[in-house]
Each structure stands twice: as structure tokens, then as C-alpha cells.
Amino acid sequence: MLNEARMPGTTFTGADFMHDLDISGEPRLRIGSLFSGYGGLDLAVEHVFNATTVWFSELNAPVARVFSHHWPEAPNLGDITAIDWSQVEPVDILIGGFPCQDVSTVGKRAGLAPGTRSGLWAHMAVAIDALQPEWVVIENVRGLLSSPATRPSAEGDNHDRRNPGDASPDGATLRNVEPDPWHLGDYATRPLRALGAVLGDLADLRLDAGWIGLPASLVGAPHQRFRIFALARRTVPHPAGDGLIARWRDSRPGASETRDDCAVAPDHRLRPPRTGWLIEQENRIGDAVVADRRTVQRWGRYADAITRWEHITGRPAQAPALLNDADGPRPAPAFVEWLMGLPTGWVTDSGDLTQNQQITALGNGVLPLQAVSALSLLAA
């Protein structure tokens, strides 16, 4: 279900993702990471682009400790609403999965609007405008396709300047066109769909964007976890001081306090790859596997799905629940970590998180192999 909006004459292919290492052996492209979580999207983008994350922004302190454990050289810029982007190191790729609570189909569907958590997309748009990255990668939930988005009124908006006449002149034969009860485009504050608003903002920012929605089961995971991914690339130079997106510039003045969780100072030594295991996972997708008798006895009707994911991840499924006499069974963080296709201990052995914090981090995270597949399809 690929749906793309491309400027005429512009294309990008898998060849665009092949980048030589610089003289020091470091990947040439730099990633800036927003709403970073445990780094699932970073792993995918580093893998596909042969890049490295140089800074991140994560407000949740326990989850930020997990990220810093795996990217000790990357400082945490903290609260996205308070970052002074003029003081931030430029990057080639800006990535982020902005909060999904207000667009999720299981939430109240407040949508993409000022004051909502999902409305923090506006601050990501400001970062794109300020940093001018070559690439932008976005991840979010399925509700982005159907939730509304409401624009704040920009200074100088004049609703009386819209076309006063009907689109069809008197006497014209009316066609069977989808009705438009919201009068989209007539008013700045009329609702749009959330994904449409995001793609429109990317177009305003002179980025050529494509998007795709796919389930985690497409890469062999034993669950659906449908997600939307967008990949955008700069195609037109951006003149300074354009003022095109002035309506977004409502972030608080001043730079945020940098939460520098670095364990060691950055240097130019060749670091060990973080994503080599993703190559192995990719190579195992589609392999024919058969559940053995012991797996069938343990997992019943889920045996085939469990066996397939065990083969792809290269490690056995963990016990699915923690037993507690007071509260009853609860999801085991190690099992959820396995469901997300992460290496053993990526979250559960990092940052001294409580079990509840681990489950929260894992539930809000990105399945790396799913993101790799989405980016590969978008680049094809």
C-alpha cells in the first residue's frame, strides 16, 4: 500500500543509500534523533544509510538512559520544545516518531493539533526548517491515516480572500465527486487528516516525500503492529529567511538544558557496528521453517509464528509472562523485547529500569527490522 507524492523528474533509489566510509572509517552521514525512545528507528536508519547518530532528544529519563547506554557518544538535547536549533550540530538525516497518543485508534483521537502530545510534530517541523537535513524519516501509528489535524491560524490569515464562487459554474453538469463537508482548504483551522498535514508540511519545507504502511508480520514477527513510515529527501534549495512556516515558531525561547548522558567522550576511532545483527535477520526473512513437537506442545496454535520469529531473530522465545500472586500474570519484558526483534538485553539490561519502565519503553518503541523493510521499499 505504497502511496507517494514525488516532484516531477525526481526519484531516489537504493543506490542513493550507498555511502563510502570517510578516511577515519566512520560512516559519512550523521543522524539527529528526535523522540528517540530506545533507539529502534536509529538502528534501522543507521543500517540502511550506513550512518551514525550524533545526538538525540528524549524527555523520558529512564528511556534516555537506555539510549545513552548504546550511543554513549551522543548527547541528549532534552525537551524538543525548548531546543535552540541554531546551537545544534547540523545533521544529514533527521528522524523521529513523534508521540502517537492523540492519533492512535485506541486513544481519544484528539489528533494533530496545538496543545496535544502528537502536536509536537510542529516542533519537529521547526527542527527540519532550521537544520535543513538532506533526509527525514518519520514513524507513527496507523491512526495517522484517519485522525484529524487542525492548523493554528497564522498571523495575517484572511478567510475572506478565498474563492467566493463555486468550483462548478451554474448550469454545469455535476459529477459524482466525494462530498466535502469540512470545506478543506477554505480555512486555516479546518481539519485535515494527520498524515496529510505531515506530508503537506514536508512539501512546504521543500522535501519530496513518500510513505508506506505495513505490519510487523510482513517481516516475520508473530504480531501485527501496523506502522506508518515516511521518507523524505530535499530536492529544492531552501532560501534563508523565507518565513514560509512562521506559524510553527511558537516554541519557548532559549536553549534547553542539554542532558549529556555520555559515558565516554566522542573520538574518531572506528566503533564496532551496532547493526550487524540486522543483516542476519534480513537474510532469514522468508526461510521455510517447521515447528517441532516440543514447540507445538508449548505454544499450541502459535507454534508456527513463534518458530518463524525464533529463526529470524536467531534466539529462542522467552517466557511470555511474569507470575505474581497479588496482581496475576503480567507481560515479561524479556518476551516483549524478543517480540520487537531486539538483541538480548537491549532494554532489559540497560539503564537499571524497573519492569514497568521496561514495558513502557518497549511498547512505545520501533521494531528495527520492520523499519528497515519500510525504508527499503520506499527507496526502491
Protein backbone atom coordinates (compact mmCIF):
# COMPACT_ATOMS: atom_id res chain seq x y z
CA MET A 1 0.00 0.00 0.00
CA LEU A 2 2.70 2.41 -1.05
CA ASN A 3 1.46 5.94 -1.59
CA GLU A 4 3.95 8.52 -2.76
CA ALA A 5 3.96 12.19 -3.71
CA ARG A 6 7.00 12.98 -5.82
CA MET A 7 8.01 16.18 -7.60
CA PRO A 8 8.19 15.70 -11.39
CA GLY A 9 11.54 14.47 -12.56
CA THR A 10 12.83 13.50 -9.11
CA THR A 11 13.46 9.94 -7.99
CA PHE A 12 15.57 8.19 -5.42
CA THR A 13 16.64 4.58 -5.50
CA GLY A 14 18.51 2.12 -3.38
CA ALA A 15 21.75 3.39 -4.92
CA ASP A 16 21.23 6.71 -3.12
CA PHE A 17 21.72 4.89 0.18
CA MET A 18 25.20 3.55 -0.63
CA HIS A 19 27.79 5.75 1.05
CA ASP A 20 31.53 5.25 1.34
CA LEU A 21 33.23 5.49 4.69
CA ASP A 22 35.39 8.56 5.31
CA ILE A 23 39.14 8.35 5.83
CA SER A 24 38.77 7.60 9.55
CA GLY A 25 36.47 4.66 8.88
CA GLU A 26 33.40 6.47 10.29
CA PRO A 27 30.12 6.44 8.37
CA ARG A 28 29.86 9.70 6.44
CA LEU A 29 26.24 10.58 7.19
CA ARG A 30 25.15 11.96 10.58
CA ILE A 31 21.76 11.32 12.19
CA GLY A 32 19.87 13.61 14.54
CA SER A 33 17.26 11.66 16.52
CA LEU A 34 14.03 13.09 17.98
CA PHE A 35 11.56 11.28 20.29
CA SER A 36 14.29 8.65 20.36
CA GLY A 37 12.96 6.02 22.76
CA TYR A 38 15.30 3.02 22.99
CA GLY A 39 16.69 3.72 19.51
CA GLY A 40 14.75 1.26 17.34
CA LEU A 41 14.37 3.73 14.46
CA ASP A 42 18.01 4.79 14.83
CA LEU A 43 19.13 1.18 14.41
CA ALA A 44 17.17 0.87 11.16
CA VAL A 45 18.35 4.19 9.72
CA GLU A 46 21.97 3.55 10.69
CA HIS A 47 21.72 0.17 8.97
CA VAL A 48 20.07 1.40 5.76
CA PHE A 49 22.03 4.63 5.35
CA ASN A 50 25.36 3.42 6.78
CA ALA A 51 25.18 6.39 9.14
CA THR A 52 25.70 7.17 12.82
CA THR A 53 23.56 9.01 15.38
CA VAL A 54 25.40 12.06 16.72
CA TRP A 55 22.76 13.47 19.09
CA PHE A 56 19.28 12.62 20.34
CA SER A 57 16.30 14.19 22.10
CA GLU A 58 14.39 12.14 24.67
CA LEU A 59 12.46 13.60 27.60
CA ASN A 60 11.78 10.32 29.44
CA ALA A 61 14.82 9.97 31.73
CA PRO A 62 14.77 6.15 32.18
CA VAL A 63 14.41 5.55 28.44
CA ALA A 64 17.14 8.12 27.74
CA ARG A 65 19.47 6.01 29.88
CA VAL A 66 18.86 3.05 27.58
CA PHE A 67 19.67 5.15 24.53
CA SER A 68 22.83 6.56 26.12
CA HIS A 69 23.94 3.06 27.08
CA HIS A 70 24.02 2.11 23.39
CA TRP A 71 25.09 5.51 21.99
CA PRO A 72 27.44 6.77 24.73
CA GLU A 73 28.97 9.35 22.38
CA ALA A 74 25.63 11.06 21.59
CA PRO A 75 24.42 13.87 23.90
CA ASN A 76 20.74 14.18 24.83
CA LEU A 77 19.37 17.61 23.82
CA GLY A 78 16.39 17.17 26.13
CA ASP A 79 12.97 18.79 25.67
CA ILE A 80 12.28 19.35 21.97
CA THR A 81 10.08 22.36 22.73
CA ALA A 82 12.97 24.22 24.33
CA ILE A 83 15.87 23.45 21.98
CA ASP A 84 17.63 26.38 20.32
CA TRP A 85 18.26 24.81 16.93
CA SER A 86 20.79 27.48 15.98
CA GLN A 87 23.09 25.94 18.60
CA VAL A 88 22.65 22.31 17.43
CA GLU A 89 25.12 20.39 15.28
CA PRO A 90 23.74 20.06 11.72
CA VAL A 91 22.89 16.55 10.52
CA ASP A 92 22.34 14.81 7.20
CA ILE A 93 19.35 12.78 8.38
CA LEU A 94 16.70 13.86 10.89
CA ILE A 95 14.50 11.08 12.25
CA GLY A 96 11.66 10.81 14.73
CA GLY A 97 8.49 9.04 15.74
CA PHE A 98 6.55 11.90 17.33
CA PRO A 99 4.10 10.95 20.13
CA CYS A 100 1.21 8.83 18.90
CA GLN A 101 -1.24 9.06 21.82
CA ASP A 102 -3.54 11.60 20.17
CA VAL A 103 -3.67 9.87 16.77
CA SER A 104 -3.81 6.27 17.99
CA THR A 105 -7.00 4.37 17.24
CA VAL A 106 -7.12 3.24 20.88
CA GLY A 107 -6.90 6.79 22.23
CA LYS A 108 -9.30 9.74 22.34
CA ARG A 109 -8.31 10.83 18.80
CA ALA A 110 -7.60 14.44 19.71
CA GLY A 111 -5.48 14.46 16.59
CA LEU A 112 -2.60 16.57 15.36
CA ALA A 113 -3.43 19.91 16.94
CA PRO A 114 -1.81 22.65 19.01
CA GLY A 115 -1.50 21.61 22.64
CA THR A 116 -1.74 17.87 22.04
CA ARG A 117 1.16 15.47 22.52
CA SER A 118 1.00 14.43 18.88
CA GLY A 119 1.04 18.13 18.04
CA LEU A 120 4.75 18.01 18.91
CA TRP A 121 5.15 17.23 15.20
CA ALA A 122 5.15 21.02 14.77
CA HIS A 123 8.40 21.21 16.74
CA MET A 124 9.94 18.52 14.55
CA ALA A 125 8.95 20.61 11.54
CA VAL A 126 10.73 23.60 13.08
CA ALA A 127 13.84 21.44 13.52
CA ILE A 128 13.69 20.38 9.86
CA ASP A 129 13.41 24.01 8.78
CA ALA A 130 16.33 25.08 10.96
CA LEU A 131 18.72 22.18 10.33
CA GLN A 132 17.94 21.60 6.63
CA PRO A 133 18.78 17.86 6.62
CA GLU A 134 19.08 16.04 3.32
CA TRP A 135 16.79 13.24 4.54
CA VAL A 136 13.88 12.98 7.00
CA VAL A 137 12.49 9.71 8.37
CA ILE A 138 9.19 9.59 10.28
CA GLU A 139 7.41 6.71 12.04
CA ASN A 140 3.98 6.62 13.63
CA VAL A 141 0.87 4.51 14.22
CA ARG A 142 -1.90 3.55 11.80
CA GLY A 143 -4.19 6.23 13.24
CA LEU A 144 -2.14 8.84 11.37
CA LEU A 145 -4.21 7.84 8.33
CA SER A 146 -7.56 8.74 9.87
CA SER A 147 -7.05 11.11 12.80
CA PRO A 148 -7.74 14.81 12.21
CA ALA A 149 -5.18 17.58 12.13
CA THR A 150 -6.06 21.17 12.91
CA ARG A 151 -3.88 24.08 11.82
CA PRO A 152 -3.34 27.03 14.12
CA SER A 153 -4.30 30.29 12.47
CA ALA A 154 -1.28 32.16 11.14
CA GLU A 155 -0.93 35.89 11.62
CA GLY A 156 -2.42 37.62 8.60
CA ASP A 157 -4.78 34.80 7.62
CA ASN A 158 -7.76 36.31 5.83
CA HIS A 159 -10.64 33.93 5.26
CA ASP A 160 -12.40 36.49 3.02
CA ARG A 161 -9.69 36.10 0.36
CA ARG A 162 -10.80 32.58 -0.58
CA ASN A 163 -12.54 31.94 -3.90
CA PRO A 164 -16.07 33.36 -3.39
CA GLY A 165 -17.62 31.27 -6.17
CA ASP A 166 -18.43 27.59 -6.52
CA ALA A 167 -15.96 25.35 -8.29
CA SER A 168 -18.71 24.34 -10.75
CA PRO A 169 -20.35 27.22 -12.66
CA ASP A 170 -24.11 27.50 -12.84
CA GLY A 171 -25.60 25.11 -15.37
CA ALA A 172 -22.64 22.73 -15.33
CA THR A 173 -23.30 19.02 -15.02
CA LEU A 174 -22.29 17.88 -11.53
CA ARG A 175 -20.20 14.72 -11.38
CA ASN A 176 -20.24 12.06 -8.70
CA VAL A 177 -17.50 13.68 -6.62
CA GLU A 178 -16.87 12.78 -2.99
CA PRO A 179 -18.65 15.34 -0.77
CA ASP A 180 -16.53 17.72 1.30
CA PRO A 181 -18.45 18.57 4.49
CA TRP A 182 -15.35 20.08 6.09
CA HIS A 183 -14.65 22.54 3.22
CA LEU A 184 -10.99 21.56 3.22
CA GLY A 185 -8.69 24.33 2.12
CA ASP A 186 -11.13 27.19 2.75
CA TYR A 187 -9.98 27.91 6.29
CA ALA A 188 -6.63 27.59 8.03
CA THR A 189 -8.26 25.97 11.06
CA ARG A 190 -10.34 23.41 9.18
CA PRO A 191 -9.26 19.83 9.98
CA LEU A 192 -7.16 17.68 7.70
CA ARG A 193 -6.11 14.10 8.15
CA ALA A 194 -2.97 13.85 10.24
CA LEU A 195 -0.83 12.16 7.58
CA GLY A 196 -2.00 14.70 5.00
CA ALA A 197 -0.91 17.51 7.29
CA VAL A 198 2.52 15.94 7.83
CA LEU A 199 3.05 15.39 4.09
CA GLY A 200 1.85 18.91 3.37
CA ASP A 201 4.32 20.32 5.88
CA LEU A 202 7.13 18.32 4.30
CA ALA A 203 6.17 19.72 0.89
CA ASP A 204 6.18 23.26 2.33
CA LEU A 205 9.67 22.51 3.62
CA ARG A 206 10.74 21.59 0.05
CA LEU A 207 11.07 17.90 0.77
CA ASP A 208 9.99 15.17 -1.65
CA ALA A 209 8.15 12.59 0.48
CA GLY A 210 6.82 9.08 0.16
CA TRP A 211 5.05 6.95 2.74
CA ILE A 212 4.12 3.35 3.36
CA GLY A 213 2.11 1.40 5.91
CA LEU A 214 2.98 -2.17 6.77
CA PRO A 215 2.54 -4.69 9.60
CA ALA A 216 5.38 -6.22 11.58
CA SER A 217 4.19 -9.64 10.43
CA LEU A 218 5.42 -8.75 6.93
CA VAL A 219 8.99 -9.27 8.18
CA GLY A 220 8.06 -12.42 10.10
CA ALA A 221 7.14 -11.05 13.53
CA PRO A 222 4.43 -13.01 15.38
CA HIS A 223 2.19 -9.93 15.72
CA GLN A 224 0.65 -7.23 13.51
CA ARG A 225 1.88 -3.89 14.95
CA PHE A 226 0.94 -1.91 11.84
CA ARG A 227 3.02 1.24 11.43
CA ILE A 228 3.31 4.18 9.03
CA PHE A 229 6.74 5.22 7.77
CA ALA A 230 7.59 8.30 5.71
CA LEU A 231 10.86 9.00 3.90
CA ALA A 232 11.56 12.47 2.55
CA ARG A 233 14.51 13.94 0.67
CA ARG A 234 15.45 17.54 -0.02
CA THR A 235 15.12 18.40 -3.69
CA VAL A 236 14.94 22.21 -3.83
CA PRO A 237 17.37 24.65 -2.16
CA HIS A 238 15.82 26.44 0.78
CA PRO A 239 16.40 30.22 0.75
CA ALA A 240 17.26 31.68 4.14
CA GLY A 241 14.68 33.79 5.90
CA ASP A 242 11.82 32.55 3.75
CA GLY A 243 9.28 32.73 6.59
CA LEU A 244 7.11 30.07 4.97
CA ILE A 245 6.38 28.24 8.22
CA ALA A 246 6.20 31.14 10.64
CA ARG A 247 3.06 29.64 12.19
CA TRP A 248 5.20 26.88 13.72
CA ARG A 249 7.55 29.21 15.53
CA ASP A 250 5.81 29.09 18.89
CA SER A 251 8.46 27.15 20.81
CA ARG A 252 9.70 28.68 24.03
CA PRO A 253 12.75 30.94 23.62
CA GLY A 254 16.15 29.82 24.71
CA ALA A 255 18.03 26.58 24.52
CA SER A 256 17.04 23.58 26.56
CA GLU A 257 19.39 22.19 29.14
CA THR A 258 21.49 19.53 27.46
CA ARG A 259 21.19 16.20 29.19
CA ASP A 260 24.61 14.89 28.28
CA ASP A 261 24.49 11.25 29.31
CA CYS A 262 27.78 10.41 27.59
CA ALA A 263 29.80 7.74 29.34
CA VAL A 264 32.87 8.47 27.23
CA ALA A 265 33.99 11.39 25.12
CA PRO A 266 33.46 11.10 21.35
CA ASP A 267 36.54 10.35 19.31
CA HIS A 268 37.47 9.26 15.81
CA ARG A 269 38.15 5.61 16.48
CA LEU A 270 36.31 3.04 14.42
CA ARG A 271 33.42 1.88 16.61
CA PRO A 272 32.04 -1.65 16.45
CA PRO A 273 28.87 -1.88 14.34
CA ARG A 274 25.60 -1.74 16.24
CA THR A 275 23.51 -3.20 13.47
CA GLY A 276 25.35 -6.23 12.08
CA TRP A 277 22.66 -8.50 13.52
CA LEU A 278 20.06 -6.80 11.28
CA ILE A 279 21.84 -8.17 8.22
CA GLU A 280 21.40 -11.68 9.60
CA GLN A 281 17.71 -11.03 10.34
CA GLU A 282 17.11 -9.68 6.83
CA ASN A 283 18.73 -12.74 5.28
CA ARG A 284 16.43 -15.12 7.19
CA ILE A 285 13.12 -13.49 6.20
CA GLY A 286 11.10 -15.92 4.09
CA ASP A 287 13.05 -19.03 5.05
CA ALA A 288 10.88 -22.13 5.35
CA VAL A 289 10.69 -23.35 8.94
CA VAL A 290 8.61 -26.04 10.65
CA ALA A 291 7.67 -26.07 14.33
CA ASP A 292 8.97 -29.11 16.17
CA ARG A 293 6.86 -31.21 18.54
CA ARG A 294 8.16 -29.52 21.67
CA THR A 295 7.31 -26.05 20.33
CA VAL A 296 3.81 -27.20 19.38
CA GLN A 297 3.28 -28.60 22.87
CA ARG A 298 4.40 -25.34 24.47
CA TRP A 299 2.82 -22.74 22.16
CA GLY A 300 -0.13 -24.58 20.57
CA ARG A 301 -1.65 -22.65 17.63
CA TYR A 302 1.08 -20.01 17.91
CA ALA A 303 3.86 -22.55 17.31
CA ASP A 304 4.44 -21.72 13.63
CA ALA A 305 4.63 -17.95 14.29
CA ILE A 306 6.93 -18.43 17.27
CA THR A 307 9.20 -20.79 15.33
CA ARG A 308 9.45 -18.38 12.41
CA TRP A 309 10.45 -15.44 14.66
CA GLU A 310 12.90 -17.59 16.61
CA HIS A 311 14.57 -18.44 13.31
CA ILE A 312 14.67 -14.81 12.11
CA THR A 313 15.93 -13.37 15.40
CA GLY A 314 18.34 -16.23 15.95
CA ARG A 315 17.30 -16.81 19.56
CA PRO A 316 14.56 -18.70 21.39
CA ALA A 317 11.36 -17.10 22.65
CA GLN A 318 11.42 -16.05 26.27
CA ALA A 319 8.78 -16.90 28.88
CA PRO A 320 5.79 -14.68 27.99
CA ALA A 321 4.56 -13.76 31.46
CA LEU A 322 5.69 -12.97 34.98
CA LEU A 323 3.59 -14.62 37.67
CA ASN A 324 2.55 -12.57 40.67
CA ASP A 325 0.15 -13.82 43.32
CA ALA A 326 -1.08 -10.30 44.08
CA ASP A 327 -1.59 -8.92 40.56
CA GLY A 328 -1.77 -12.04 38.44
CA PRO A 329 0.33 -12.66 35.31
CA ARG A 330 1.98 -9.67 33.63
CA PRO A 331 3.88 -9.43 30.31
CA ALA A 332 7.53 -10.31 30.75
CA PRO A 333 9.83 -7.51 29.49
CA ALA A 334 12.29 -10.04 28.06
CA PHE A 335 9.50 -11.60 25.99
CA VAL A 336 8.33 -8.20 24.67
CA GLU A 337 11.95 -7.37 23.86
CA TRP A 338 12.12 -10.60 21.82
CA LEU A 339 8.83 -9.73 20.09
CA MET A 340 10.43 -6.44 18.98
CA GLY A 341 13.33 -8.32 17.42
CA LEU A 342 15.92 -6.60 19.62
CA PRO A 343 19.19 -8.18 20.77
CA THR A 344 19.03 -9.85 24.17
CA GLY A 345 19.15 -7.25 26.94
CA TRP A 346 18.88 -4.18 24.67
CA VAL A 347 16.34 -2.67 27.09
CA THR A 348 16.17 -5.16 29.93
CA ASP A 349 19.90 -4.99 30.75
CA SER A 350 20.33 -1.25 30.16
CA GLY A 351 19.86 1.72 32.45
CA ASP A 352 18.53 -0.09 35.56
CA LEU A 353 14.88 0.36 34.54
CA THR A 354 12.05 -1.11 36.57
CA GLN A 355 9.91 -3.75 34.89
CA ASN A 356 7.13 -1.19 34.33
CA GLN A 357 9.60 1.24 32.76
CA GLN A 358 10.93 -1.52 30.52
CA ILE A 359 7.43 -2.43 29.31
CA THR A 360 6.61 1.24 28.67
CA ALA A 361 9.81 1.75 26.70
CA LEU A 362 9.28 -1.40 24.65
CA GLY A 363 5.62 -0.67 23.96
CA ASN A 364 6.45 2.79 22.58
CA GLY A 365 9.42 1.62 20.53
CA VAL A 366 10.08 0.80 16.88
CA LEU A 367 10.71 -2.73 15.59
CA PRO A 368 14.02 -2.23 13.73
CA LEU A 369 13.56 -4.92 11.08
CA GLN A 370 10.11 -3.55 10.19
CA ALA A 371 11.59 -0.05 9.74
CA VAL A 372 14.41 -1.46 7.60
CA SER A 373 11.88 -3.15 5.33
CA ALA A 374 9.79 0.04 5.04
CA LEU A 375 12.79 2.21 4.15
CA SER A 376 13.99 -0.34 1.61
CA LEU A 377 10.57 -0.41 -0.06
CA LEU A 378 10.34 3.38 -0.10
CA ALA A 379 13.76 3.61 -1.71
CA ALA A 380 13.04 1.00 -4.40
